Amino acid sequence: MRLLGNIIWFLCSGIWALISWTAVGFILCLTIIGIPFALQSAKMAGSSLFPFGVVIMEEV
């Protein structure tokens, strides 16, 4: 079921979410203050491509 959901998501809006999060990350890298937010944006870009079955947790 996750595979089917990921395929449908990728075809409908996953690629656009990836492009958007990546563009936002590059823009945030232009300032020193934005670099931590850019790193989080990169994580969101990766998980927005195939979101079903992905667990986002802070490493302790």
Protein backbone atom coordinates (compact mmCIF):
# COMPACT_ATOMS: atom_id res chain seq x y z
CA MET A 1 0.00 0.00 0.00
CA ARG A 2 2.90 2.36 0.74
CA LEU A 3 4.37 1.72 -2.70
CA LEU A 4 1.11 2.59 -4.41
CA GLY A 5 0.71 5.72 -2.28
CA ASN A 6 4.27 6.81 -3.01
CA ILE A 7 3.85 6.32 -6.75
CA ILE A 8 0.62 8.31 -6.83
CA TRP A 9 2.14 11.04 -4.64
CA PHE A 10 5.28 11.26 -6.79
CA LEU A 11 3.33 11.59 -10.02
CA CYS A 12 0.83 14.13 -8.68
CA SER A 13 2.86 16.46 -6.50
CA GLY A 14 5.98 14.82 -5.06
CA ILE A 15 8.35 16.18 -7.66
CA TRP A 16 6.97 19.71 -7.23
CA ALA A 17 7.35 19.49 -3.46
CA LEU A 18 10.95 18.36 -3.91
CA ILE A 19 11.73 21.25 -6.25
CA SER A 20 10.06 23.76 -3.91
CA TRP A 21 11.84 22.59 -0.75
CA THR A 22 15.17 22.50 -2.59
CA ALA A 23 14.71 26.04 -3.93
CA VAL A 24 13.77 27.32 -0.48
CA GLY A 25 16.85 25.60 0.97
CA PHE A 26 19.16 27.28 -1.53
CA ILE A 27 17.61 30.67 -0.83
CA LEU A 28 17.99 30.17 2.92
CA CYS A 29 21.68 29.31 2.48
CA LEU A 30 22.35 32.86 1.33
CA THR A 31 22.33 34.12 4.91
CA ILE A 32 24.17 32.79 7.94
CA ILE A 33 20.99 32.85 9.98
CA GLY A 34 19.15 30.77 7.39
CA ILE A 35 21.64 27.88 7.22
CA PRO A 36 20.02 25.79 10.01
CA PHE A 37 16.65 26.26 8.36
CA ALA A 38 18.16 25.27 5.01
CA LEU A 39 19.38 22.00 6.52
CA GLN A 40 15.87 21.26 7.78
CA SER A 41 14.53 22.18 4.36
CA ALA A 42 16.84 19.57 2.83
CA LYS A 43 15.42 16.94 5.18
CA MET A 44 11.90 17.94 4.20
CA ALA A 45 12.82 17.76 0.51
CA GLY A 46 13.97 14.18 0.90
CA SER A 47 10.92 13.07 2.83
CA SER A 48 8.45 14.92 0.62
CA LEU A 49 9.50 12.94 -2.45
CA PHE A 50 8.21 9.61 -1.06
CA PRO A 51 6.40 10.46 2.20
CA PHE A 52 4.55 7.22 2.91
CA GLY A 53 6.45 5.01 5.33
CA VAL A 54 8.95 7.72 6.34
CA VAL A 55 9.42 8.41 10.04
CA ILE A 56 10.90 11.78 10.94
CA MET A 57 12.40 11.78 14.42
CA GLU A 58 15.09 13.79 16.11
CA GLU A 59 18.26 11.81 16.76
CA VAL A 60 19.17 11.82 20.43
